[in-house]
Amino acid sequence: MRIQKVGVLSLGKIVGVVLAAVALVPGSIVAVFAVVGAAASLLDSGGLTFGAQELMMLALGIMIGGPVVYGLMGFAVGVVSALAYNFMARQSGGLELEIE
């Protein structure tokens, strides 16, 4: 069996979704620490200080922005990789797989 061509948009979507999901894990951990830090600041000062507000915005930005940025970058990498593979497969005949 030979893989002669890879779907460009298909690979882009798959890599984008995988990297967006990967970004959720560290983003969630950082967001939890930011919320805990903001809560500690709130308890210590008796009110929401400027630093605590920044930490809350950081947590929100990481939780939303991280997966979006990673997903877009993953899509771009997947598209470029598929284009490069298709070009090289055309020159060399493709990737040969042996499946039992």
C-alpha atoms as a PDB file:
ATOM      1  CA  MET A   1       0.000   0.000   0.000  1.00  0.00           C
ATOM      2  CA  ARG A   2       1.351   3.434  -0.913  1.00  0.00           C
ATOM      3  CA  ILE A   3       0.292   6.830   0.368  1.00  0.00           C
ATOM      4  CA  GLN A   4       0.493   8.973  -2.748  1.00  0.00           C
ATOM      5  CA  LYS A   5      -1.257  12.100  -1.468  1.00  0.00           C
ATOM      6  CA  VAL A   6      -2.381  13.613   1.835  1.00  0.00           C
ATOM      7  CA  GLY A   7      -5.455  15.839   2.094  1.00  0.00           C
ATOM      8  CA  VAL A   8      -4.119  19.317   2.841  1.00  0.00           C
ATOM      9  CA  LEU A   9      -7.116  20.704   4.726  1.00  0.00           C
ATOM     10  CA  SER A  10      -7.781  17.351   6.377  1.00  0.00           C
ATOM     11  CA  LEU A  11      -4.310  17.187   7.921  1.00  0.00           C
ATOM     12  CA  GLY A  12      -4.491  20.878   8.850  1.00  0.00           C
ATOM     13  CA  LYS A  13      -7.747  20.349  10.738  1.00  0.00           C
ATOM     14  CA  ILE A  14      -6.496  17.274  12.561  1.00  0.00           C
ATOM     15  CA  VAL A  15      -3.212  18.851  13.668  1.00  0.00           C
ATOM     16  CA  GLY A  16      -5.023  22.057  14.664  1.00  0.00           C
ATOM     17  CA  VAL A  17      -7.541  20.230  16.845  1.00  0.00           C
ATOM     18  CA  VAL A  18      -4.856  18.054  18.461  1.00  0.00           C
ATOM     19  CA  LEU A  19      -2.661  21.041  19.348  1.00  0.00           C
ATOM     20  CA  ALA A  20      -5.648  23.016  20.638  1.00  0.00           C
ATOM     21  CA  ALA A  21      -6.490  20.093  22.928  1.00  0.00           C
ATOM     22  CA  VAL A  22      -2.851  19.861  24.031  1.00  0.00           C
ATOM     23  CA  ALA A  23      -2.886  23.577  24.912  1.00  0.00           C
ATOM     24  CA  LEU A  24      -5.839  23.078  27.256  1.00  0.00           C
ATOM     25  CA  VAL A  25      -3.780  21.107  29.785  1.00  0.00           C
ATOM     26  CA  PRO A  26      -1.029  23.655  30.594  1.00  0.00           C
ATOM     27  CA  GLY A  27      -3.501  26.487  30.095  1.00  0.00           C
ATOM     28  CA  SER A  28      -5.811  25.007  32.713  1.00  0.00           C
ATOM     29  CA  ILE A  29      -2.965  24.520  35.175  1.00  0.00           C
ATOM     30  CA  VAL A  30      -1.725  28.104  34.770  1.00  0.00           C
ATOM     31  CA  ALA A  31      -5.281  29.429  35.036  1.00  0.00           C
ATOM     32  CA  VAL A  32      -5.871  27.535  38.293  1.00  0.00           C
ATOM     33  CA  PHE A  33      -2.702  28.987  39.800  1.00  0.00           C
ATOM     34  CA  ALA A  34      -3.681  32.479  38.628  1.00  0.00           C
ATOM     35  CA  VAL A  35      -7.136  32.190  40.200  1.00  0.00           C
ATOM     36  CA  VAL A  36      -5.646  30.866  43.454  1.00  0.00           C
ATOM     37  CA  GLY A  37      -3.177  33.764  43.475  1.00  0.00           C
ATOM     38  CA  ALA A  38      -5.957  36.271  42.861  1.00  0.00           C
ATOM     39  CA  ALA A  39      -8.053  34.714  45.644  1.00  0.00           C
ATOM     40  CA  ALA A  40      -5.094  34.876  48.027  1.00  0.00           C
ATOM     41  CA  SER A  41      -4.618  38.547  47.160  1.00  0.00           C
ATOM     42  CA  LEU A  42      -8.317  39.148  47.708  1.00  0.00           C
ATOM     43  CA  LEU A  43      -8.250  37.522  51.139  1.00  0.00           C
ATOM     44  CA  ASP A  44      -5.039  39.292  52.137  1.00  0.00           C
ATOM     45  CA  SER A  45      -6.062  42.817  51.149  1.00  0.00           C
ATOM     46  CA  GLY A  46      -9.803  42.601  51.753  1.00  0.00           C
ATOM     47  CA  GLY A  47     -10.613  43.737  48.210  1.00  0.00           C
ATOM     48  CA  LEU A  48      -9.817  43.064  44.602  1.00  0.00           C
ATOM     49  CA  THR A  49      -6.465  44.718  44.008  1.00  0.00           C
ATOM     50  CA  PHE A  50      -4.964  45.707  40.687  1.00  0.00           C
ATOM     51  CA  GLY A  51      -2.617  42.703  40.720  1.00  0.00           C
ATOM     52  CA  ALA A  52      -5.493  40.323  41.376  1.00  0.00           C
ATOM     53  CA  GLN A  53      -7.428  41.776  38.455  1.00  0.00           C
ATOM     54  CA  GLU A  54      -4.426  41.232  36.205  1.00  0.00           C
ATOM     55  CA  LEU A  55      -4.140  37.631  37.343  1.00  0.00           C
ATOM     56  CA  MET A  56      -7.811  36.984  36.591  1.00  0.00           C
ATOM     57  CA  MET A  57      -7.444  38.495  33.111  1.00  0.00           C
ATOM     58  CA  LEU A  58      -4.297  36.412  32.569  1.00  0.00           C
ATOM     59  CA  ALA A  59      -6.181  33.252  33.511  1.00  0.00           C
ATOM     60  CA  LEU A  60      -9.028  34.100  31.146  1.00  0.00           C
ATOM     61  CA  GLY A  61      -6.624  34.981  28.343  1.00  0.00           C
ATOM     62  CA  ILE A  62      -4.677  31.765  28.720  1.00  0.00           C
ATOM     63  CA  MET A  63      -7.782  29.591  28.881  1.00  0.00           C
ATOM     64  CA  ILE A  64      -9.282  31.132  25.722  1.00  0.00           C
ATOM     65  CA  GLY A  65      -6.277  32.427  23.818  1.00  0.00           C
ATOM     66  CA  GLY A  66      -3.923  29.491  24.313  1.00  0.00           C
ATOM     67  CA  PRO A  67      -5.999  26.833  22.553  1.00  0.00           C
ATOM     68  CA  VAL A  68      -6.995  29.288  19.811  1.00  0.00           C
ATOM     69  CA  VAL A  69      -3.390  30.256  19.066  1.00  0.00           C
ATOM     70  CA  TYR A  70      -2.161  26.655  19.277  1.00  0.00           C
ATOM     71  CA  GLY A  71      -5.032  25.500  17.069  1.00  0.00           C
ATOM     72  CA  LEU A  72      -4.306  28.106  14.398  1.00  0.00           C
ATOM     73  CA  MET A  73      -0.590  27.380  14.466  1.00  0.00           C
ATOM     74  CA  GLY A  74      -1.294  23.636  14.308  1.00  0.00           C
ATOM     75  CA  PHE A  75      -3.554  24.159  11.308  1.00  0.00           C
ATOM     76  CA  ALA A  76      -0.814  26.115   9.538  1.00  0.00           C
ATOM     77  CA  VAL A  77       1.809  23.474  10.338  1.00  0.00           C
ATOM     78  CA  GLY A  78      -0.514  20.701   9.144  1.00  0.00           C
ATOM     79  CA  VAL A  79      -1.212  22.474   5.847  1.00  0.00           C
ATOM     80  CA  VAL A  80       2.472  23.170   5.188  1.00  0.00           C
ATOM     81  CA  SER A  81       3.400  19.592   6.128  1.00  0.00           C
ATOM     82  CA  ALA A  82       0.757  18.139   3.795  1.00  0.00           C
ATOM     83  CA  LEU A  83       1.896  20.365   0.949  1.00  0.00           C
ATOM     84  CA  ALA A  84       5.517  19.360   1.516  1.00  0.00           C
ATOM     85  CA  TYR A  85       4.604  15.668   1.685  1.00  0.00           C
ATOM     86  CA  ASN A  86       2.501  15.852  -1.481  1.00  0.00           C
ATOM     87  CA  PHE A  87       5.367  17.525  -3.325  1.00  0.00           C
ATOM     88  CA  MET A  88       7.923  14.988  -2.131  1.00  0.00           C
ATOM     89  CA  ALA A  89       5.591  12.025  -2.735  1.00  0.00           C
ATOM     90  CA  ARG A  90       5.094  13.163  -6.316  1.00  0.00           C
ATOM     91  CA  GLN A  91       8.861  13.121  -6.792  1.00  0.00           C
ATOM     92  CA  SER A  92       9.599   9.845  -4.991  1.00  0.00           C
ATOM     93  CA  GLY A  93       6.451   7.796  -5.479  1.00  0.00           C
ATOM     94  CA  GLY A  94       4.981   8.084  -2.006  1.00  0.00           C
ATOM     95  CA  LEU A  95       5.325   6.326   1.320  1.00  0.00           C
ATOM     96  CA  GLU A  96       5.077   2.571   1.281  1.00  0.00           C
ATOM     97  CA  LEU A  97       3.247   0.924   4.181  1.00  0.00           C
ATOM     98  CA  GLU A  98       2.983  -2.752   4.987  1.00  0.00           C
ATOM     99  CA  ILE A  99      -0.111  -3.575   7.037  1.00  0.00           C
ATOM    100  CA  GLU A 100      -0.738  -7.054   8.384  1.00  0.00           C
END
